[in-house]
Amino acid sequence: MRFIIVLIGVVLFACTPHKEESNPVNDFPSNSNDLATKVAIDTADLLDFHYLINSVGKIQSPSSIVMRCERGGIVENVFVEMGDAVSKGQILLKLNNENLLLEREKAELKLNQAELEFDNVLLGFPSLTSKQKLEQDSLMVRLRLGSGLREAELALKEINLKIKDSEIRAPFSGIIYDRKISNGSYVNSGDELLSIYQKSPLLLIVTLLENEALLLSKGIKVEVKPTGFAHQKVQYGYINYINPNVNEKGLVEVGIILPSPGKELILGMNAEATIKVPNGKRLLVPKNAVVIRSGKEVVFTLEEGLAKWNYVQTGVDNGVKLEILEGISPKSVVITSNNLQLAHDAPVEVEKP
């Protein structure tokens, strides 16, 4: 009797149908009665692809100069403060020049005396006008030297230059910074007085890796904003030069011109540059549309309210978009959120923006 029961059990087990092997696509089986998962979507599009290169550098000015004193003296008046905008030729400061003015009066007096002496000497040469021009010129030079006229003229010219040097003028229109003197300061010849830089354009200098620098060319558009200011307005510039030299750290210097910088950018400020290097049209999806399942890259597409599982092969990545080489077609609607636990044919509902 016991043998019969065991035999019946074996027969029943053998007759039981085997379950089909699960599809690897359905790691997370769906149920059509499940509540729909809310998802965000985007579109796979053929777009111009840009490599994104980010680097941080310092704002400089292509036209910046330290104003130095040509001669020693006491600062009589400083007419500008740091941050002031000045025009070309505007007087920035003035050194005391009372002694120079007195010396100029003396030089003018000596010049007058020399002119009188020269006129008296000419009276001794009544036939000067009848001589040939070359002979006239040679004789006039000797008479001017002999009378002291030439020496007096040079002395007055020298004094006037010194008086001119006592007024420090702006060499170009710009912004004053690093003022080092004040009224009453004593300065020596060569001392730094203040600095001036041209506000527009500005120059951002960054350093890039060799492989990044090789992708660049002059004129590529660049986005620039101050470091640490996430909501600051983006400024636009372009690559002005690429130094054809790799430094000891394996980096290449790149200069970015900002033709119309806003007031947010000032000299010496740290700023971040985002360089978009064009690289043709590619089929692109947002990076978060691609998930890893069983070690393979997968993109879920939305078709008639269901999530469809698609194995894909990806290409280049610019930090925001990812290239799709195969697996989905242009204009496919891809799921970009809540896609980590989705299953094939899972019901989904598009979130309202």
Protein backbone atom coordinates (compact mmCIF):
# COMPACT_ATOMS: atom_id res chain seq x y z
CA MET A 1 0.00 0.00 0.00
CA ARG A 2 2.81 2.39 0.88
CA PHE A 3 4.48 1.59 -2.46
CA ILE A 4 1.30 2.53 -4.37
CA ILE A 5 1.08 5.96 -2.62
CA VAL A 6 4.69 6.79 -3.43
CA LEU A 7 4.21 5.75 -7.03
CA ILE A 8 1.13 7.94 -7.40
CA GLY A 9 3.10 10.88 -5.98
CA VAL A 10 5.89 10.42 -8.50
CA VAL A 11 3.43 10.25 -11.38
CA LEU A 12 1.65 13.42 -10.28
CA PHE A 13 4.96 15.32 -10.02
CA ALA A 14 6.00 14.16 -13.48
CA CYS A 15 2.73 15.34 -14.94
CA THR A 16 2.97 18.82 -13.41
CA PRO A 17 3.89 21.39 -16.20
CA HIS A 18 7.29 23.18 -15.80
CA LYS A 19 7.29 27.01 -15.47
CA GLU A 20 8.92 28.85 -18.37
CA GLU A 21 12.35 30.43 -17.67
CA SER A 22 11.89 34.09 -16.79
CA ASN A 23 12.87 36.70 -19.35
CA PRO A 24 16.01 38.58 -18.16
CA VAL A 25 14.30 41.76 -19.22
CA ASN A 26 11.79 41.41 -16.40
CA ASP A 27 14.05 41.59 -13.39
CA PHE A 28 11.14 43.42 -11.76
CA PRO A 29 7.93 41.70 -13.12
CA SER A 30 5.04 44.01 -13.70
CA ASN A 31 1.39 43.54 -13.00
CA SER A 32 -1.11 45.26 -15.20
CA ASN A 33 -3.21 45.89 -12.11
CA ASP A 34 -0.37 47.73 -10.34
CA LEU A 35 -0.65 51.45 -9.82
CA ALA A 36 1.13 53.41 -12.54
CA THR A 37 4.58 54.78 -11.64
CA LYS A 38 4.90 58.52 -12.08
CA VAL A 39 7.80 59.38 -14.37
CA ALA A 40 9.40 62.33 -16.14
CA ILE A 41 10.11 62.07 -19.83
CA ASP A 42 12.29 63.57 -22.52
CA THR A 43 12.94 62.98 -26.21
CA ALA A 44 15.89 61.32 -27.91
CA ASP A 45 16.95 63.86 -30.51
CA LEU A 46 19.63 64.29 -33.11
CA LEU A 47 21.35 67.41 -31.78
CA ASP A 48 24.60 69.29 -32.13
CA PHE A 49 26.86 67.65 -29.58
CA HIS A 50 29.31 69.67 -27.52
CA TYR A 51 32.07 68.39 -25.31
CA LEU A 52 31.92 70.37 -22.07
CA ILE A 53 35.26 71.48 -20.63
CA ASN A 54 35.22 73.25 -17.26
CA SER A 55 38.09 75.12 -15.66
CA VAL A 56 38.64 77.87 -13.09
CA GLY A 57 40.98 80.81 -13.55
CA LYS A 58 41.53 84.45 -12.61
CA ILE A 59 40.17 87.57 -14.26
CA GLN A 60 42.89 89.83 -15.65
CA SER A 61 43.02 92.84 -17.91
CA PRO A 62 44.89 92.93 -21.23
CA SER A 63 45.54 96.63 -20.52
CA SER A 64 46.76 97.16 -16.97
CA ILE A 65 49.58 99.40 -15.80
CA VAL A 66 51.25 100.45 -12.56
CA MET A 67 51.75 104.22 -12.51
CA ARG A 68 55.19 105.17 -11.13
CA CYS A 69 56.74 108.46 -10.16
CA GLU A 70 59.24 109.90 -12.65
CA ARG A 71 60.83 112.14 -10.01
CA GLY A 72 60.82 112.46 -6.25
CA GLY A 73 58.67 114.95 -4.37
CA ILE A 74 55.70 115.55 -2.13
CA VAL A 75 52.21 114.51 -3.29
CA GLU A 76 50.18 117.71 -3.29
CA ASN A 77 46.80 116.40 -4.48
CA VAL A 78 45.32 112.98 -5.26
CA PHE A 79 42.19 113.42 -7.35
CA VAL A 80 40.95 109.82 -7.55
CA GLU A 81 39.87 107.00 -5.25
CA MET A 82 40.12 103.25 -5.81
CA GLY A 83 37.32 102.05 -8.05
CA ASP A 84 36.91 105.41 -9.81
CA ALA A 85 36.42 105.36 -13.57
CA VAL A 86 38.76 107.80 -15.32
CA SER A 87 39.21 109.05 -18.87
CA LYS A 88 42.37 109.09 -20.95
CA GLY A 89 44.48 112.18 -20.13
CA GLN A 90 42.65 112.90 -16.86
CA ILE A 91 44.92 114.18 -14.05
CA LEU A 92 45.13 111.53 -11.33
CA LEU A 93 47.48 113.25 -8.90
CA LYS A 94 49.85 116.17 -8.71
CA LEU A 95 53.24 116.58 -7.04
CA ASN A 96 54.31 119.84 -5.46
CA ASN A 97 56.14 121.83 -8.16
CA GLU A 98 56.81 125.25 -6.57
CA ASN A 99 60.58 124.83 -6.98
CA LEU A 100 60.13 123.85 -10.60
CA LEU A 101 58.01 126.89 -11.33
CA LEU A 102 60.73 129.08 -9.87
CA GLU A 103 63.35 127.29 -11.96
CA ARG A 104 61.22 127.86 -15.05
CA GLU A 105 61.15 131.60 -14.39
CA LYS A 106 64.93 131.59 -14.15
CA ALA A 107 65.21 129.54 -17.35
CA GLU A 108 62.90 131.94 -19.19
CA LEU A 109 65.01 134.88 -18.00
CA LYS A 110 68.21 133.23 -19.25
CA LEU A 111 66.53 132.51 -22.57
CA ASN A 112 65.60 136.18 -22.96
CA GLN A 113 69.17 137.20 -22.19
CA ALA A 114 70.50 134.68 -24.70
CA GLU A 115 68.14 135.97 -27.39
CA LEU A 116 69.42 139.52 -26.83
CA GLU A 117 73.00 138.32 -27.04
CA PHE A 118 72.22 136.44 -30.23
CA ASP A 119 70.64 139.54 -31.79
CA ASN A 120 73.74 141.57 -30.92
CA VAL A 121 75.98 138.96 -32.51
CA LEU A 122 73.92 139.04 -35.70
CA LEU A 123 74.62 142.75 -36.04
CA GLY A 124 78.27 141.85 -36.65
CA PHE A 125 77.31 139.86 -39.77
CA PRO A 126 75.53 142.30 -42.10
CA SER A 127 76.31 140.17 -45.17
CA LEU A 128 74.76 136.99 -43.68
CA THR A 129 71.67 137.17 -45.89
CA SER A 130 73.76 137.30 -49.06
CA LYS A 131 75.48 133.95 -48.36
CA GLN A 132 74.39 130.58 -49.71
CA LYS A 133 71.73 128.72 -47.66
CA LEU A 134 74.08 125.94 -46.53
CA GLU A 135 76.62 128.49 -45.39
CA GLN A 136 73.90 130.51 -43.67
CA ASP A 137 72.65 127.47 -41.72
CA SER A 138 76.12 126.49 -40.57
CA LEU A 139 76.89 130.00 -39.39
CA MET A 140 73.51 130.36 -37.60
CA VAL A 141 74.15 127.14 -35.64
CA ARG A 142 77.53 128.43 -34.48
CA LEU A 143 76.11 131.83 -33.54
CA ARG A 144 73.30 130.24 -31.51
CA LEU A 145 75.80 128.08 -29.67
CA GLY A 146 78.22 130.94 -29.11
CA SER A 147 75.55 133.27 -27.77
CA GLY A 148 74.19 130.65 -25.34
CA LEU A 149 70.77 130.71 -27.01
CA ARG A 150 70.69 126.98 -27.77
CA GLU A 151 71.68 126.09 -24.21
CA ALA A 152 68.98 128.38 -22.75
CA GLU A 153 66.32 126.81 -25.01
CA LEU A 154 67.24 123.29 -23.87
CA ALA A 155 67.26 124.31 -20.20
CA LEU A 156 63.72 125.71 -20.47
CA LYS A 157 62.53 122.59 -22.33
CA GLU A 158 63.95 120.37 -19.58
CA ILE A 159 62.18 122.37 -16.85
CA ASN A 160 58.87 122.18 -18.71
CA LEU A 161 59.21 118.39 -18.96
CA LYS A 162 59.79 118.16 -15.20
CA ILE A 163 56.70 120.28 -14.55
CA LYS A 164 54.71 118.02 -16.89
CA ASP A 165 55.96 114.96 -14.98
CA SER A 166 54.65 116.45 -11.73
CA GLU A 167 51.13 115.81 -13.06
CA ILE A 168 50.29 112.10 -13.35
CA ARG A 169 47.66 111.54 -16.05
CA ALA A 170 45.68 108.46 -17.06
CA PRO A 171 47.31 106.79 -20.10
CA PHE A 172 43.94 105.34 -21.12
CA SER A 173 40.34 105.20 -19.89
CA GLY A 174 39.94 102.67 -17.10
CA ILE A 175 39.40 101.86 -13.42
CA ILE A 176 41.72 102.91 -10.58
CA TYR A 177 42.94 100.23 -8.16
CA ASP A 178 45.74 99.65 -5.64
CA ARG A 179 46.26 103.32 -4.75
CA LYS A 180 49.34 103.50 -2.54
CA ILE A 181 49.69 107.21 -1.80
CA SER A 182 47.69 110.04 -0.26
CA ASN A 183 47.99 113.81 0.06
CA GLY A 184 51.28 114.75 1.71
CA SER A 185 53.06 111.47 0.94
CA TYR A 186 56.71 111.73 -0.05
CA VAL A 187 57.69 109.63 -3.06
CA ASN A 188 60.99 108.77 -4.67
CA SER A 189 61.63 108.37 -8.35
CA GLY A 190 60.27 104.96 -9.47
CA ASP A 191 57.89 104.49 -6.53
CA GLU A 192 54.48 102.93 -7.25
CA LEU A 193 51.65 105.44 -7.02
CA LEU A 194 48.52 103.62 -8.18
CA SER A 195 47.34 101.22 -10.86
CA ILE A 196 44.79 101.45 -13.63
CA TYR A 197 43.16 98.78 -15.75
CA GLN A 198 40.90 98.81 -18.76
CA LYS A 199 37.45 97.53 -17.80
CA SER A 200 36.58 96.25 -21.22
CA PRO A 201 37.60 93.82 -22.49
CA LEU A 202 38.73 91.57 -19.64
CA LEU A 203 40.80 88.40 -19.89
CA LEU A 204 40.21 85.10 -18.09
CA ILE A 205 43.25 82.82 -18.02
CA VAL A 206 42.63 79.11 -17.35
CA THR A 207 44.77 75.98 -17.61
CA LEU A 208 43.56 72.77 -19.25
CA LEU A 209 44.81 69.22 -19.68
CA GLU A 210 46.70 68.49 -22.88
CA ASN A 211 43.92 66.33 -24.38
CA GLU A 212 41.36 69.06 -23.68
CA ALA A 213 43.49 71.82 -25.18
CA LEU A 214 43.91 69.82 -28.40
CA LEU A 215 40.14 69.99 -28.95
CA LEU A 216 40.12 73.79 -28.90
CA SER A 217 40.58 76.49 -31.50
CA LYS A 218 40.51 80.28 -31.42
CA GLY A 219 37.08 81.86 -31.44
CA ILE A 220 35.15 79.07 -29.66
CA LYS A 221 32.40 80.55 -27.48
CA VAL A 222 32.84 80.30 -23.70
CA GLU A 223 30.43 80.80 -20.78
CA VAL A 224 31.95 82.53 -17.74
CA LYS A 225 30.61 83.21 -14.26
CA PRO A 226 32.18 84.01 -10.86
CA THR A 227 33.14 80.94 -8.84
CA GLY A 228 30.77 80.15 -5.99
CA PHE A 229 27.85 82.20 -7.33
CA ALA A 230 25.45 79.58 -8.68
CA HIS A 231 22.75 82.08 -9.60
CA GLN A 232 25.06 84.75 -10.99
CA LYS A 233 24.43 85.97 -14.53
CA VAL A 234 26.49 84.11 -17.14
CA GLN A 235 28.93 86.22 -19.15
CA TYR A 236 30.03 85.25 -22.64
CA GLY A 237 33.49 85.33 -24.16
CA TYR A 238 35.63 83.52 -26.70
CA ILE A 239 39.01 81.81 -26.83
CA ASN A 240 41.62 84.41 -27.73
CA TYR A 241 44.76 82.29 -27.57
CA ILE A 242 46.03 78.80 -26.76
CA ASN A 243 49.61 78.80 -25.51
CA PRO A 244 51.46 76.20 -27.64
CA ASN A 245 53.45 75.03 -24.64
CA VAL A 246 52.72 72.40 -21.97
CA ASN A 247 54.02 73.46 -18.56
CA GLU A 248 55.78 71.25 -16.03
CA LYS A 249 52.40 70.22 -14.56
CA GLY A 250 51.14 68.95 -17.92
CA LEU A 251 48.76 71.88 -18.37
CA VAL A 252 48.17 74.32 -21.22
CA GLU A 253 47.32 78.00 -20.71
CA VAL A 254 44.24 79.29 -22.51
CA GLY A 255 43.18 82.95 -22.67
CA ILE A 256 39.49 83.86 -22.88
CA ILE A 257 38.45 87.38 -23.90
CA LEU A 258 35.30 88.86 -22.34
CA PRO A 259 34.41 91.73 -24.70
CA SER A 260 31.54 93.16 -22.63
CA PRO A 261 32.00 92.08 -19.00
CA GLY A 262 29.33 93.05 -16.50
CA LYS A 263 29.97 94.67 -13.15
CA GLU A 264 29.94 91.19 -11.58
CA LEU A 265 33.46 90.52 -12.88
CA ILE A 266 36.36 92.42 -11.38
CA LEU A 267 40.13 92.19 -11.61
CA GLY A 268 41.67 89.21 -9.78
CA MET A 269 38.34 87.43 -9.28
CA ASN A 270 38.15 83.64 -9.57
CA ALA A 271 35.80 82.68 -12.39
CA GLU A 272 34.63 79.42 -13.92
CA ALA A 273 34.76 78.87 -17.67
CA THR A 274 32.54 76.37 -19.48
CA ILE A 275 33.81 75.68 -22.99
CA LYS A 276 31.47 73.95 -25.42
CA VAL A 277 33.47 72.21 -28.13
CA PRO A 278 31.27 71.39 -31.17
CA ASN A 279 31.46 67.76 -32.31
CA GLY A 280 28.74 67.20 -34.93
CA LYS A 281 25.19 65.86 -34.58
CA ARG A 282 24.57 62.88 -32.28
CA LEU A 283 21.51 60.99 -30.98
CA LEU A 284 21.37 62.32 -27.43
CA VAL A 285 19.37 61.55 -24.30
CA PRO A 286 19.67 62.98 -20.77
CA LYS A 287 22.23 61.08 -18.69
CA ASN A 288 19.58 59.99 -16.17
CA ALA A 289 17.64 58.19 -18.92
CA VAL A 290 20.30 55.45 -18.92
CA VAL A 291 20.27 52.88 -16.10
CA ILE A 292 22.32 49.74 -15.49
CA ARG A 293 20.49 46.40 -15.34
CA SER A 294 22.37 43.13 -14.97
CA GLY A 295 25.54 44.97 -15.93
CA LYS A 296 24.05 46.32 -19.16
CA GLU A 297 22.91 49.80 -20.17
CA VAL A 298 19.16 50.16 -20.51
CA VAL A 299 16.85 52.97 -21.59
CA PHE A 300 13.11 52.80 -20.91
CA THR A 301 10.90 54.31 -23.58
CA LEU A 302 7.27 55.27 -23.15
CA GLU A 303 4.82 53.56 -25.49
CA GLU A 304 1.04 53.72 -24.95
CA GLY A 305 1.35 54.19 -21.21
CA LEU A 306 3.85 51.36 -20.72
CA ALA A 307 7.57 51.38 -20.02
CA LYS A 308 9.51 49.50 -22.69
CA TRP A 309 12.91 48.04 -21.88
CA ASN A 310 15.66 48.76 -24.48
CA TYR A 311 19.24 47.61 -24.33
CA VAL A 312 21.43 50.42 -25.67
CA GLN A 313 25.03 51.12 -26.55
CA THR A 314 26.26 54.54 -25.42
CA GLY A 315 28.97 56.77 -26.82
CA VAL A 316 30.41 60.09 -25.69
CA ASP A 317 29.27 61.90 -22.57
CA ASN A 318 29.39 65.67 -22.00
CA GLY A 319 28.22 65.59 -18.39
CA VAL A 320 24.63 66.47 -19.30
CA LYS A 321 23.73 64.45 -22.38
CA LEU A 322 24.75 60.94 -23.39
CA GLU A 323 25.16 59.70 -26.95
CA ILE A 324 23.15 56.62 -27.98
CA LEU A 325 24.88 54.58 -30.68
CA GLU A 326 22.20 51.90 -30.99
CA GLY A 327 19.11 50.60 -29.22
CA ILE A 328 16.54 53.36 -29.74
CA SER A 329 15.48 55.63 -32.58
CA PRO A 330 15.36 59.41 -32.89
CA LYS A 331 12.19 60.97 -31.44
CA SER A 332 11.77 58.09 -28.98
CA VAL A 333 10.17 59.25 -25.73
CA VAL A 334 12.57 58.24 -22.94
CA ILE A 335 11.86 57.97 -19.23
CA THR A 336 14.22 60.03 -17.07
CA SER A 337 12.98 59.51 -13.50
CA ASN A 338 11.86 56.61 -11.29
CA ASN A 339 13.43 54.28 -13.84
CA LEU A 340 15.74 52.36 -11.50
CA GLN A 341 13.05 49.85 -10.45
CA LEU A 342 10.89 49.80 -13.58
CA ALA A 343 10.09 46.57 -15.37
CA HIS A 344 9.28 45.90 -19.00
CA ASP A 345 5.66 46.81 -19.79
CA ALA A 346 5.19 48.41 -16.36
CA PRO A 347 2.36 50.97 -16.41
CA VAL A 348 3.60 54.55 -16.04
CA GLU A 349 2.07 57.97 -15.79
CA VAL A 350 3.81 61.15 -16.93
CA GLU A 351 4.28 63.68 -14.16
CA LYS A 352 2.85 67.09 -14.82
CA PRO A 353 5.56 69.76 -15.06
